[in-house]
Amino acid sequence: MRSLTRTTRRHTVIAVSAACLLVPLAACAPDDGPRPAASADRAAPAAPKNGGKRDGRLDKRLDRVTILELQEDMKGKRLTSEELTRAYLDRIHRLNPRLNAVVTVNPDALDLARKSDDLRRTGEVRGPLEGIPVLIKDNIDTADRQPTTAGSTALLHSKPAQDAFLVKKLRDAGAVILGKANMSEWANFRSSEQTAGWSATGGQTRNPYVLDRSPCGSSSGSAAAAAATLAAVTIGSETDGSIVCPASVTSTVGVKPTLGMVSRSGMIPITNRHDTAGPIARNTTDAALTLWAIHGSDASDADTADADTALPTDYRTVLDPNALRGKRIGVWRKGHTGIDSDVDRVFEATVQQLRALGATIVEGADVADSKDMMQKDMLPAVLTEFKHDLNTYLATTPGPHPKNLTELIEFNKQNSAIEMPKFGQELFEMADKTDGDVNAPAYRQHRDAATRQARQAIDSVLAEHRLDAIVTPTSIPTPTIEALDPTPFESSTRNSAVAGYPHITVPAGYAKGTLPLGVSFLGTRYSDATLLSYAYAFERATPVRKAPTYLPTLPGRS
């Protein structure tokens, strides 16, 4: 999520790009601040105890292999989960010091992998992720020896009583929970001056393509880890853009599902009217397989009532290279093209490829921007929801930590050298001044108006042009971490986020030959499977993704 309003050195911005619900992409910045001693051990996992040996052939293959291929290797006894897990642990040990993408390695990961191997030897395969190492964002509860902190030292000693529902789904599918990914602290909802990818517990996440470029937020660690192949797949969360923006700038596939497709039980909230978890992967196949594994109805999350039947039974139905043939795809250009020449070039190539794949291209499918809705309706609604939802989470989570937003604000003041070295907590303070009453008529009016406007913005375009989906650039080339000036690129994520509609980004090309650019597929409620099939068909025909370069800066930059 980003911040709703952002005052920079020269500007006041009321716009949302893709990293923090309410702050433009170019504005998501400062750098590393002081880190608590407790976080140093979390961010620097020990080398795997494998005698110092590394399987170079497996290591080179991991960037290209799909989960389906890994499963075939394990089924054919050419690979074990323990070997695979050790390979990812080795990559974390070697690459994470440069990236700060992983904040905790699960001390039980190898034991979980061995258990998976034992089950496979007896003929038991629990699900499609059997033995597959997965990293999850550090705002998702695990009832194990890992903390769940949302990047804050205030929660280093919290003790979730049970796994988040989606973590249980991952375990039921056979996944090995490899560790926790770094994130923008409190999912970028503490200050309008917040830095994408920075947390007090994990430091500054780095973009693996160019290390001084923003990783976007707040699922920055999940996206950077997926891009750098620190796990087979990762789980992020999004309030507005925090899956699709980091995925776009790291040349990965990011799936922000329909609200209620994936349970939020056990996930540290901003607002349950926007929040959702979703997969980030190096290919659409892995993203689809993982979405199928984690979606489902949860009695503790009323919005998931229809989730069990919201997707086809078999995820392989979306892996159709001909999915775009005969479909009407609307092109959204307004506010996204004519700003950056590389974005224009890549997007024009995308449109031509969609046409070559048999789609009918419909120009003029521009989704109305909703800046006016931000201050008038969305900000008041989200502030109220944040206080209500966070207070509920803190009050019901065991362990020594602040039990409500007021106590959390005081904790940050008392620990300001660690928690607030670069920016404050004005959004926390604004939220704490609300009554947190989500039944109040004034609140309901704001929420209903914001949701109605966002849904109408998308549904009216789909209906007017008889479209199956809308395609648009996801974002501009990612700026440097320290950049403060806003971008004229309008949010590609806001309406989908507020409406609760799905949004999928897939790699489409590069700016300056190095900085990843993504293209987005948007649709209406529960069009997730359809959008994934279009993303898969495009990806198959346009395999542009390349491995990260880990450049310290772009050539020619001083």
Protein backbone atom coordinates (compact mmCIF):
# COMPACT_ATOMS: atom_id res chain seq x y z
CA MET A 1 0.00 0.00 0.00
CA ARG A 2 1.08 3.60 -0.31
CA SER A 3 0.18 6.72 1.49
CA LEU A 4 -2.87 8.72 0.47
CA THR A 5 -1.22 12.07 0.50
CA ARG A 6 2.43 12.84 0.17
CA THR A 7 4.15 16.19 0.67
CA THR A 8 7.55 16.20 -1.01
CA ARG A 9 10.14 18.97 -0.94
CA ARG A 10 8.36 20.71 -3.79
CA HIS A 11 5.00 19.07 -4.24
CA THR A 12 1.86 17.87 -2.54
CA VAL A 13 0.80 14.69 -4.28
CA ILE A 14 -2.65 13.15 -4.11
CA ALA A 15 -2.05 10.18 -6.37
CA VAL A 16 -1.40 6.51 -6.05
CA SER A 17 1.15 4.70 -8.13
CA ALA A 18 1.83 1.13 -7.49
CA ALA A 19 3.75 0.74 -4.35
CA CYS A 20 2.10 2.22 -1.35
CA LEU A 21 -1.69 2.75 -1.36
CA LEU A 22 -1.50 6.34 -1.55
CA VAL A 23 2.00 7.54 -2.67
CA PRO A 24 3.24 7.75 -6.28
CA LEU A 25 5.88 5.28 -7.39
CA ALA A 26 8.56 7.89 -7.95
CA ALA A 27 7.99 9.23 -4.47
CA CYS A 28 8.46 6.01 -2.55
CA ALA A 29 11.93 6.65 -1.19
CA PRO A 30 14.64 7.36 1.47
CA ASP A 31 17.29 4.75 2.37
CA ASP A 32 18.47 2.45 5.13
CA GLY A 33 18.19 3.72 8.67
CA PRO A 34 19.43 2.25 11.95
CA ARG A 35 18.56 -1.41 12.41
CA PRO A 36 17.87 -3.00 15.78
CA ALA A 37 20.29 -5.64 16.96
CA ALA A 38 17.48 -8.17 16.94
CA SER A 39 16.98 -7.72 13.21
CA ALA A 40 20.57 -8.37 12.21
CA ASP A 41 20.27 -12.09 12.92
CA ARG A 42 16.96 -12.23 11.08
CA ALA A 43 18.35 -10.63 7.95
CA ALA A 44 21.58 -12.63 7.75
CA PRO A 45 20.74 -16.33 7.54
CA ALA A 46 23.55 -18.74 8.21
CA ALA A 47 25.12 -20.73 5.42
CA PRO A 48 23.41 -24.09 4.86
CA LYS A 49 25.23 -26.98 6.49
CA ASN A 50 25.93 -28.96 3.34
CA GLY A 51 29.67 -29.30 3.63
CA GLY A 52 30.23 -26.14 1.60
CA LYS A 53 29.16 -27.94 -1.57
CA ARG A 54 26.80 -26.40 -4.06
CA ASP A 55 25.02 -28.11 -6.93
CA GLY A 56 25.93 -25.67 -9.70
CA ARG A 57 23.74 -27.40 -12.28
CA LEU A 58 20.67 -27.14 -10.09
CA ASP A 59 21.49 -23.55 -9.14
CA LYS A 60 21.66 -22.46 -12.80
CA ARG A 61 18.44 -24.29 -13.63
CA LEU A 62 16.36 -22.81 -10.81
CA ASP A 63 15.81 -19.48 -12.56
CA ARG A 64 14.08 -21.18 -15.53
CA VAL A 65 12.39 -24.22 -14.05
CA THR A 66 8.67 -24.28 -13.20
CA ILE A 67 7.10 -25.89 -10.16
CA LEU A 68 5.62 -28.54 -12.46
CA GLU A 69 9.11 -29.45 -13.66
CA LEU A 70 10.44 -29.57 -10.10
CA GLN A 71 7.60 -31.91 -9.19
CA GLU A 72 8.46 -34.16 -12.11
CA ASP A 73 12.08 -34.26 -10.95
CA MET A 74 11.06 -35.23 -7.42
CA LYS A 75 8.57 -37.78 -8.71
CA GLY A 76 11.31 -39.28 -10.89
CA LYS A 77 13.74 -39.37 -7.93
CA ARG A 78 16.14 -36.99 -9.67
CA LEU A 79 15.70 -34.40 -6.90
CA THR A 80 14.60 -34.30 -3.29
CA SER A 81 12.89 -31.51 -1.41
CA GLU A 82 15.84 -31.39 0.95
CA GLU A 83 18.25 -30.82 -1.95
CA LEU A 84 15.95 -28.18 -3.40
CA THR A 85 15.55 -26.41 -0.06
CA ARG A 86 19.32 -26.43 0.49
CA ALA A 87 19.79 -24.89 -2.95
CA TYR A 88 17.46 -22.00 -2.11
CA LEU A 89 19.06 -21.54 1.31
CA ASP A 90 22.42 -21.32 -0.43
CA ARG A 91 21.11 -18.65 -2.80
CA ILE A 92 19.69 -16.68 0.12
CA HIS A 93 23.05 -16.88 1.89
CA ARG A 94 24.91 -15.66 -1.20
CA LEU A 95 22.51 -13.05 -2.58
CA ASN A 96 20.45 -11.72 0.31
CA PRO A 97 23.26 -9.55 1.77
CA ARG A 98 22.96 -7.46 -1.39
CA LEU A 99 19.16 -7.52 -1.56
CA ASN A 100 17.73 -7.55 1.99
CA ALA A 101 14.80 -9.40 0.44
CA VAL A 102 14.57 -12.14 3.08
CA VAL A 103 14.22 -11.09 6.70
CA THR A 104 13.85 -14.51 8.34
CA VAL A 105 14.88 -18.02 7.34
CA ASN A 106 12.67 -20.68 8.88
CA PRO A 107 14.90 -22.75 11.23
CA ASP A 108 12.63 -25.72 10.55
CA ALA A 109 12.78 -25.52 6.73
CA LEU A 110 15.09 -28.49 6.23
CA ASP A 111 13.08 -30.62 8.66
CA LEU A 112 9.94 -29.76 6.70
CA ALA A 113 11.69 -30.71 3.47
CA ARG A 114 12.81 -34.06 4.93
CA LYS A 115 9.24 -34.74 6.07
CA SER A 116 8.06 -34.08 2.53
CA ASP A 117 10.64 -36.50 1.13
CA ASP A 118 9.56 -39.15 3.65
CA LEU A 119 5.91 -38.73 2.62
CA ARG A 120 6.76 -38.96 -1.06
CA ARG A 121 8.70 -42.17 -0.48
CA THR A 122 5.56 -43.71 1.02
CA GLY A 123 3.51 -42.60 -1.98
CA GLU A 124 1.80 -39.68 -0.24
CA VAL A 125 1.71 -36.35 -2.07
CA ARG A 126 -0.37 -33.81 -0.19
CA GLY A 127 -0.84 -31.37 -3.06
CA PRO A 128 0.67 -29.47 -6.01
CA LEU A 129 3.26 -27.75 -3.82
CA GLU A 130 4.62 -30.92 -2.20
CA GLY A 131 8.22 -30.21 -1.19
CA ILE A 132 8.28 -26.78 -2.85
CA PRO A 133 9.98 -23.98 -0.82
CA VAL A 134 7.86 -20.82 -0.51
CA LEU A 135 8.69 -17.43 1.01
CA ILE A 136 5.85 -15.43 2.54
CA LYS A 137 5.58 -11.74 3.32
CA ASP A 138 6.37 -10.73 6.91
CA ASN A 139 2.81 -9.60 7.61
CA ILE A 140 1.38 -13.13 7.39
CA ASP A 141 1.16 -15.16 10.61
CA THR A 142 3.03 -18.40 11.12
CA ALA A 143 2.67 -20.36 14.35
CA ASP A 144 6.27 -21.51 14.29
CA ARG A 145 9.65 -20.19 15.38
CA GLN A 146 9.46 -17.18 13.06
CA PRO A 147 8.08 -13.81 14.18
CA THR A 148 5.47 -11.93 12.16
CA THR A 149 6.32 -8.24 12.40
CA ALA A 150 5.06 -6.22 9.40
CA GLY A 151 8.62 -4.86 9.51
CA SER A 152 8.24 -3.30 12.96
CA THR A 153 10.31 -4.03 16.05
CA ALA A 154 7.10 -3.58 18.03
CA LEU A 155 6.05 -7.08 16.97
CA LEU A 156 9.36 -8.92 17.25
CA HIS A 157 8.03 -10.82 20.26
CA SER A 158 4.46 -11.40 19.13
CA LYS A 159 3.36 -15.03 19.13
CA PRO A 160 0.55 -15.76 16.67
CA ALA A 161 -1.56 -18.57 18.09
CA GLN A 162 -2.07 -20.24 14.71
CA ASP A 163 -1.01 -20.10 11.09
CA ALA A 164 -2.78 -17.65 8.84
CA PHE A 165 -5.45 -19.47 6.83
CA LEU A 166 -3.42 -19.14 3.64
CA VAL A 167 -0.34 -20.58 5.38
CA LYS A 168 -2.42 -23.56 6.43
CA LYS A 169 -3.48 -23.91 2.79
CA LEU A 170 0.17 -23.83 1.73
CA ARG A 171 1.11 -26.49 4.27
CA ASP A 172 -1.88 -28.64 3.23
CA ALA A 173 -0.64 -28.39 -0.37
CA GLY A 174 2.77 -29.68 0.78
CA ALA A 175 4.75 -26.44 0.67
CA VAL A 176 7.92 -25.92 2.69
CA ILE A 177 7.66 -22.54 4.45
CA LEU A 178 11.19 -21.31 3.72
CA GLY A 179 11.06 -17.96 5.52
CA LYS A 180 9.65 -14.46 5.61
CA ALA A 181 10.21 -11.75 3.02
CA ASN A 182 11.07 -8.16 3.89
CA MET A 183 8.46 -5.47 3.23
CA SER A 184 7.73 -1.80 3.51
CA GLU A 185 7.09 -1.35 7.21
CA TRP A 186 3.38 -1.53 8.10
CA ALA A 187 2.76 -2.09 4.37
CA ASN A 188 3.62 1.55 3.60
CA PHE A 189 0.79 2.90 5.73
CA ARG A 190 2.62 4.78 8.45
CA SER A 191 3.75 7.95 6.71
CA SER A 192 3.22 9.77 3.43
CA GLU A 193 7.02 10.13 3.26
CA GLN A 194 7.64 6.40 3.62
CA THR A 195 10.30 4.47 1.71
CA ALA A 196 9.23 1.56 -0.47
CA GLY A 197 10.97 -1.57 0.75
CA TRP A 198 12.34 -0.21 4.03
CA SER A 199 11.57 -1.73 7.40
CA ALA A 200 13.13 -1.38 10.83
CA THR A 201 13.56 -5.15 11.06
CA GLY A 202 14.93 -5.79 7.59
CA GLY A 203 16.50 -2.57 6.29
CA GLN A 204 16.17 -1.49 2.67
CA THR A 205 15.12 -4.07 0.10
CA ARG A 206 17.09 -3.67 -3.14
CA ASN A 207 15.89 -4.18 -6.69
CA PRO A 208 17.90 -7.14 -8.04
CA TYR A 209 18.14 -5.65 -11.54
CA VAL A 210 19.74 -2.37 -10.46
CA LEU A 211 20.46 -2.18 -6.75
CA ASP A 212 19.97 1.57 -6.32
CA ARG A 213 16.53 1.46 -7.96
CA SER A 214 13.29 1.23 -5.99
CA PRO A 215 11.86 -2.26 -5.51
CA CYS A 216 8.43 -0.62 -5.16
CA GLY A 217 6.27 -1.74 -2.26
CA SER A 218 5.10 -3.01 0.01
CA SER A 219 5.66 -6.61 -1.15
CA SER A 220 9.12 -5.53 -2.25
CA GLY A 221 10.92 -8.39 -0.52
CA SER A 222 8.56 -10.98 -1.99
CA ALA A 223 9.08 -9.64 -5.52
CA ALA A 224 12.85 -9.21 -5.20
CA ALA A 225 13.15 -12.73 -3.76
CA ALA A 226 11.08 -14.22 -6.59
CA ALA A 227 13.13 -12.37 -9.21
CA ALA A 228 16.43 -13.49 -7.65
CA THR A 229 15.17 -17.09 -7.33
CA LEU A 230 15.46 -17.20 -3.55
CA ALA A 231 12.39 -19.48 -3.52
CA ALA A 232 10.26 -21.30 -6.07
CA VAL A 233 7.44 -18.81 -5.51
CA THR A 234 6.62 -16.09 -2.99
CA ILE A 235 3.49 -14.69 -1.39
CA GLY A 236 2.86 -10.95 -1.23
CA SER A 237 -0.09 -8.87 -0.15
CA GLU A 238 -1.75 -5.86 -1.68
CA THR A 239 -3.91 -3.02 -0.49
CA ASP A 240 -3.27 -0.91 -3.58
CA GLY A 241 -0.51 -1.91 -5.97
CA SER A 242 1.74 -3.67 -3.48
CA ILE A 243 1.84 -6.92 -5.45
CA VAL A 244 1.66 -5.68 -9.03
CA CYS A 245 4.09 -2.76 -8.76
CA PRO A 246 6.97 -4.73 -7.17
CA ALA A 247 6.31 -7.54 -9.66
CA SER A 248 6.36 -5.12 -12.58
CA VAL A 249 9.71 -3.56 -11.62
CA THR A 250 11.34 -6.97 -10.97
CA SER A 251 10.22 -8.75 -14.16
CA THR A 252 7.97 -11.18 -12.30
CA VAL A 253 4.32 -12.19 -12.56
CA GLY A 254 2.18 -10.65 -9.84
CA VAL A 255 -1.40 -11.72 -9.15
CA LYS A 256 -3.64 -9.47 -7.10
CA PRO A 257 -6.78 -11.64 -6.78
CA THR A 258 -10.39 -10.61 -6.44
CA LEU A 259 -11.11 -9.46 -2.88
CA GLY A 260 -12.19 -12.56 -0.96
CA MET A 261 -10.49 -15.09 -3.25
CA VAL A 262 -7.79 -15.60 -0.60
CA SER A 263 -8.50 -15.39 3.12
CA ARG A 264 -7.00 -12.54 5.16
CA SER A 265 -7.33 -14.38 8.50
CA GLY A 266 -3.97 -14.08 10.23
CA MET A 267 -2.69 -11.28 8.01
CA ILE A 268 -1.72 -7.96 9.60
CA PRO A 269 -4.25 -5.56 8.10
CA ILE A 270 -4.53 -2.12 6.64
CA THR A 271 -8.16 -2.50 5.61
CA ASN A 272 -10.23 -5.58 4.93
CA ARG A 273 -12.02 -3.66 2.17
CA HIS A 274 -8.85 -3.75 0.04
CA ASP A 275 -6.36 -6.23 1.51
CA THR A 276 -5.62 -9.47 -0.26
CA ALA A 277 -2.68 -11.85 -0.54
CA GLY A 278 -1.47 -13.26 -3.83
CA PRO A 279 1.45 -15.03 -5.52
CA ILE A 280 4.54 -13.51 -7.12
CA ALA A 281 6.44 -15.85 -9.44
CA ARG A 282 8.85 -15.93 -12.37
CA ASN A 283 6.20 -17.38 -14.68
CA THR A 284 2.45 -17.50 -15.01
CA THR A 285 2.28 -21.27 -14.54
CA ASP A 286 3.71 -21.07 -11.02
CA ALA A 287 1.54 -18.06 -10.19
CA ALA A 288 -1.62 -19.88 -11.27
CA LEU A 289 -0.73 -23.11 -9.47
CA THR A 290 -0.05 -21.19 -6.26
CA LEU A 291 -3.26 -19.14 -6.46
CA TRP A 292 -5.23 -22.38 -6.75
CA ALA A 293 -3.40 -23.72 -3.69
CA ILE A 294 -4.12 -20.74 -1.43
CA HIS A 295 -7.63 -19.69 -2.48
CA GLY A 296 -10.68 -20.96 -0.66
CA SER A 297 -13.52 -20.19 1.71
CA ASP A 298 -12.66 -19.44 5.34
CA ALA A 299 -15.34 -19.19 8.01
CA SER A 300 -13.27 -16.48 9.71
CA ASP A 301 -13.32 -14.23 6.63
CA ALA A 302 -16.85 -13.51 5.40
CA ASP A 303 -15.62 -12.09 2.10
CA THR A 304 -14.36 -15.56 1.09
CA ALA A 305 -17.82 -17.18 1.16
CA ASP A 306 -17.78 -17.79 -2.61
CA ALA A 307 -14.05 -18.49 -2.97
CA ASP A 308 -14.30 -22.28 -3.17
CA THR A 309 -16.25 -22.03 -6.43
CA ALA A 310 -14.67 -18.86 -7.82
CA LEU A 311 -12.02 -20.70 -9.86
CA PRO A 312 -12.21 -23.70 -12.19
CA THR A 313 -11.42 -26.99 -10.49
CA ASP A 314 -8.14 -27.47 -12.36
CA TYR A 315 -5.66 -24.60 -12.67
CA ARG A 316 -4.32 -26.14 -15.88
CA THR A 317 -7.38 -24.87 -17.72
CA VAL A 318 -5.80 -21.40 -17.75
CA LEU A 319 -2.57 -22.67 -19.34
CA ASP A 320 -3.94 -22.17 -22.85
CA PRO A 321 -1.64 -20.57 -25.44
CA ASN A 322 -4.72 -19.81 -27.58
CA ALA A 323 -6.68 -18.10 -24.81
CA LEU A 324 -6.63 -14.67 -26.53
CA ARG A 325 -8.01 -15.87 -29.84
CA GLY A 326 -11.33 -14.15 -30.55
CA LYS A 327 -11.27 -12.08 -27.34
CA ARG A 328 -11.95 -8.35 -27.21
CA ILE A 329 -9.13 -6.62 -25.35
CA GLY A 330 -9.48 -2.93 -24.53
CA VAL A 331 -6.43 -0.70 -24.61
CA TRP A 332 -6.03 1.84 -21.79
CA ARG A 333 -3.57 4.54 -22.84
CA LYS A 334 -4.72 7.74 -21.13
CA GLY A 335 -2.40 8.72 -18.29
CA HIS A 336 0.00 5.86 -19.10
CA THR A 337 1.45 6.48 -22.55
CA GLY A 338 3.20 9.57 -23.90
CA ILE A 339 5.17 9.82 -20.64
CA ASP A 340 8.13 7.50 -21.17
CA SER A 341 9.47 6.39 -24.55
CA ASP A 342 10.47 2.93 -23.33
CA VAL A 343 7.01 2.33 -21.86
CA ASP A 344 5.46 3.43 -25.17
CA ARG A 345 7.73 1.13 -27.19
CA VAL A 346 7.11 -1.89 -24.99
CA PHE A 347 3.37 -1.28 -24.82
CA GLU A 348 3.02 -0.89 -28.59
CA ALA A 349 4.83 -4.20 -29.03
CA THR A 350 2.45 -5.74 -26.49
CA VAL A 351 -0.63 -4.53 -28.34
CA GLN A 352 0.71 -5.87 -31.61
CA GLN A 353 1.46 -9.22 -30.01
CA LEU A 354 -2.05 -9.47 -28.60
CA ARG A 355 -3.41 -8.80 -32.06
CA ALA A 356 -1.12 -11.47 -33.53
CA LEU A 357 -2.46 -13.92 -30.94
CA GLY A 358 -5.96 -13.44 -32.34
CA ALA A 359 -7.37 -10.77 -30.02
CA THR A 360 -9.55 -7.97 -31.30
CA ILE A 361 -7.90 -4.78 -30.08
CA VAL A 362 -10.30 -2.05 -28.98
CA GLU A 363 -8.80 1.40 -28.58
CA GLY A 364 -10.20 4.05 -26.24
CA ALA A 365 -10.79 1.73 -23.30
CA ASP A 366 -9.43 4.28 -20.82
CA VAL A 367 -10.40 3.78 -17.20
CA ALA A 368 -11.34 7.06 -15.55
CA ASP A 369 -8.84 8.27 -12.97
CA SER A 370 -10.26 8.69 -9.50
CA LYS A 371 -8.05 11.30 -7.86
CA ASP A 372 -11.09 13.22 -6.65
CA MET A 373 -12.25 10.14 -4.73
CA MET A 374 -9.00 9.93 -2.74
CA GLN A 375 -9.32 12.76 -0.27
CA LYS A 376 -13.10 12.97 -0.33
CA ASP A 377 -14.00 9.34 0.35
CA MET A 378 -11.17 6.82 0.32
CA LEU A 379 -8.82 8.45 2.82
CA PRO A 380 -11.50 8.90 5.51
CA ALA A 381 -12.74 5.34 4.95
CA VAL A 382 -9.29 3.73 5.04
CA LEU A 383 -8.20 5.64 8.15
CA THR A 384 -11.27 4.40 10.01
CA GLU A 385 -10.84 0.85 8.75
CA PHE A 386 -7.14 0.80 9.63
CA LYS A 387 -7.79 1.75 13.26
CA HIS A 388 -10.59 -0.79 13.57
CA ASP A 389 -8.83 -3.67 11.83
CA LEU A 390 -5.36 -3.15 13.32
CA ASN A 391 -6.73 -2.77 16.84
CA THR A 392 -8.55 -6.07 16.40
CA TYR A 393 -5.40 -7.83 15.19
CA LEU A 394 -3.18 -6.44 17.96
CA ALA A 395 -5.70 -7.16 20.72
CA THR A 396 -6.13 -10.80 19.67
CA THR A 397 -2.51 -11.71 18.92
CA PRO A 398 -0.63 -13.15 21.91
CA GLY A 399 2.78 -11.94 23.04
CA PRO A 400 4.32 -8.79 24.55
CA HIS A 401 3.59 -5.98 22.09
CA PRO A 402 1.38 -2.88 21.78
CA LYS A 403 -2.25 -3.91 22.02
CA ASN A 404 -3.75 -1.05 20.03
CA LEU A 405 -2.82 1.77 17.66
CA THR A 406 -2.43 4.32 20.47
CA GLU A 407 0.14 2.11 22.21
CA LEU A 408 1.89 1.47 18.90
CA ILE A 409 2.26 5.20 18.26
CA GLU A 410 3.80 5.60 21.70
CA PHE A 411 6.15 2.66 21.09
CA ASN A 412 7.42 4.33 17.93
CA LYS A 413 8.05 7.59 19.78
CA GLN A 414 10.02 5.80 22.49
CA ASN A 415 12.02 3.90 19.85
CA SER A 416 12.25 6.65 17.26
CA ALA A 417 15.96 6.14 16.49
CA ILE A 418 15.14 2.66 15.17
CA GLU A 419 11.56 3.08 14.02
CA MET A 420 11.54 6.63 12.67
CA PRO A 421 15.04 7.52 11.39
CA LYS A 422 13.75 8.89 8.07
CA PHE A 423 10.02 9.49 8.30
CA GLY A 424 7.29 9.83 10.88
CA GLN A 425 3.90 8.29 11.57
CA GLU A 426 1.37 10.91 10.57
CA LEU A 427 -0.96 8.36 8.98
CA PHE A 428 -1.01 6.39 12.24
CA GLU A 429 -1.85 9.59 14.09
CA MET A 430 -4.58 10.54 11.61
CA ALA A 431 -6.12 7.08 11.91
CA ASP A 432 -5.98 7.15 15.71
CA LYS A 433 -8.02 10.34 15.72
CA THR A 434 -10.92 8.55 14.04
CA ASP A 435 -13.48 6.64 16.10
CA GLY A 436 -12.66 3.40 14.26
CA ASP A 437 -16.38 2.73 13.98
CA VAL A 438 -17.06 0.82 10.77
CA ASN A 439 -20.80 0.87 11.48
CA ALA A 440 -21.08 4.65 11.61
CA PRO A 441 -23.26 6.21 8.86
CA ALA A 442 -20.59 8.74 7.90
CA TYR A 443 -18.01 6.02 7.45
CA ARG A 444 -20.41 3.87 5.43
CA GLN A 445 -21.13 6.79 3.14
CA HIS A 446 -17.44 7.29 2.40
CA ARG A 447 -16.78 3.57 1.85
CA ASP A 448 -19.82 3.01 -0.35
CA ALA A 449 -19.03 6.05 -2.50
CA ALA A 450 -15.40 5.03 -3.03
CA THR A 451 -16.23 1.41 -3.88
CA ARG A 452 -19.09 2.37 -6.18
CA GLN A 453 -16.96 4.85 -8.14
CA ALA A 454 -14.09 2.40 -8.55
CA ARG A 455 -16.30 -0.45 -9.74
CA GLN A 456 -18.15 1.79 -12.15
CA ALA A 457 -14.88 3.06 -13.61
CA ILE A 458 -13.92 -0.47 -14.70
CA ASP A 459 -17.30 -2.09 -15.34
CA SER A 460 -18.58 0.78 -17.50
CA VAL A 461 -15.57 0.49 -19.85
CA LEU A 462 -15.93 -3.29 -20.06
CA ALA A 463 -19.65 -3.00 -20.84
CA GLU A 464 -19.46 -0.06 -23.26
CA HIS A 465 -16.86 -1.73 -25.46
CA ARG A 466 -18.04 -5.34 -24.85
CA LEU A 467 -14.59 -6.27 -23.56
CA ASP A 468 -13.19 -9.46 -22.11
CA ALA A 469 -10.35 -7.56 -20.39
CA ILE A 470 -8.39 -4.30 -20.35
CA VAL A 471 -4.64 -4.07 -20.98
CA THR A 472 -2.36 -1.21 -19.92
CA PRO A 473 1.23 -0.52 -18.85
CA THR A 474 1.67 -1.34 -15.17
CA SER A 475 4.11 1.46 -14.34
CA ILE A 476 7.01 3.53 -15.60
CA PRO A 477 10.65 2.45 -15.15
CA THR A 478 11.40 2.33 -11.47
CA PRO A 479 13.23 5.40 -10.12
CA THR A 480 16.15 5.44 -7.73
CA ILE A 481 15.39 4.64 -4.11
CA GLU A 482 16.08 8.22 -3.05
CA ALA A 483 13.86 9.83 -5.72
CA LEU A 484 11.24 12.19 -4.30
CA ASP A 485 9.57 13.87 -7.27
CA PRO A 486 6.16 12.55 -8.32
CA THR A 487 5.48 11.01 -11.71
CA PRO A 488 2.69 12.04 -14.10
CA PHE A 489 1.94 8.34 -14.65
CA GLU A 490 -1.56 7.78 -13.30
CA SER A 491 -2.23 4.83 -11.05
CA SER A 492 -2.99 1.61 -12.91
CA THR A 493 -3.99 -0.06 -9.64
CA ARG A 494 -6.26 2.24 -7.66
CA ASN A 495 -9.62 1.38 -9.20
CA SER A 496 -8.97 -2.38 -9.10
CA ALA A 497 -7.86 -2.06 -5.47
CA VAL A 498 -10.85 -0.07 -4.28
CA ALA A 499 -13.29 -2.13 -6.35
CA GLY A 500 -11.86 -5.41 -5.07
CA TYR A 501 -11.25 -6.59 -8.64
CA PRO A 502 -8.34 -8.72 -9.92
CA HIS A 503 -5.21 -7.24 -11.51
CA ILE A 504 -2.37 -9.27 -13.03
CA THR A 505 0.98 -8.00 -14.29
CA VAL A 506 3.35 -9.97 -16.52
CA PRO A 507 6.85 -9.07 -17.82
CA ALA A 508 6.70 -7.21 -21.14
CA GLY A 509 10.15 -5.69 -21.73
CA TYR A 510 12.88 -3.43 -20.39
CA ALA A 511 13.77 0.24 -20.25
CA LYS A 512 17.38 1.10 -21.08
CA GLY A 513 17.81 -2.62 -21.72
CA THR A 514 17.86 -3.26 -17.96
CA LEU A 515 14.89 -1.88 -15.97
CA PRO A 516 11.89 -4.24 -16.11
CA LEU A 517 8.52 -3.12 -17.46
CA GLY A 518 5.27 -4.99 -16.98
CA VAL A 519 1.91 -4.99 -18.69
CA SER A 520 -1.35 -5.35 -16.75
CA PHE A 521 -4.53 -7.30 -17.46
CA LEU A 522 -7.59 -5.96 -15.62
CA GLY A 523 -11.14 -7.28 -15.35
CA THR A 524 -14.22 -7.42 -13.19
CA ARG A 525 -14.96 -9.46 -10.06
CA TYR A 526 -13.90 -13.12 -10.23
CA SER A 527 -12.35 -12.80 -13.68
CA ASP A 528 -9.08 -14.06 -12.18
CA ALA A 529 -8.88 -17.27 -14.19
CA THR A 530 -9.67 -15.49 -17.44
CA LEU A 531 -7.00 -12.85 -16.84
CA LEU A 532 -4.45 -15.52 -15.95
CA SER A 533 -5.17 -17.33 -19.21
CA TYR A 534 -4.53 -14.13 -21.17
CA ALA A 535 -1.33 -13.48 -19.23
CA TYR A 536 -0.19 -17.05 -19.91
CA ALA A 537 -0.87 -16.79 -23.66
CA PHE A 538 0.99 -13.48 -23.84
CA GLU A 539 3.91 -14.83 -21.82
CA ARG A 540 4.23 -17.93 -24.02
CA ALA A 541 4.37 -15.79 -27.15
CA THR A 542 6.59 -13.10 -25.57
CA PRO A 543 9.18 -14.78 -23.30
CA VAL A 544 11.01 -11.54 -22.47
CA ARG A 545 12.00 -12.23 -18.89
CA LYS A 546 15.72 -12.44 -18.19
CA ALA A 547 17.56 -13.06 -14.93
CA PRO A 548 18.57 -10.12 -12.72
CA THR A 549 21.86 -8.32 -13.35
CA TYR A 550 22.56 -7.02 -9.79
CA LEU A 551 24.10 -3.83 -11.22
CA PRO A 552 25.00 -1.33 -8.48
CA THR A 553 23.63 1.49 -10.66
CA LEU A 554 22.82 2.11 -14.32
CA PRO A 555 25.89 2.75 -16.49
CA GLY A 556 26.63 6.47 -16.77
CA ARG A 557 25.00 7.30 -13.44
CA SER A 558 27.37 9.09 -11.07
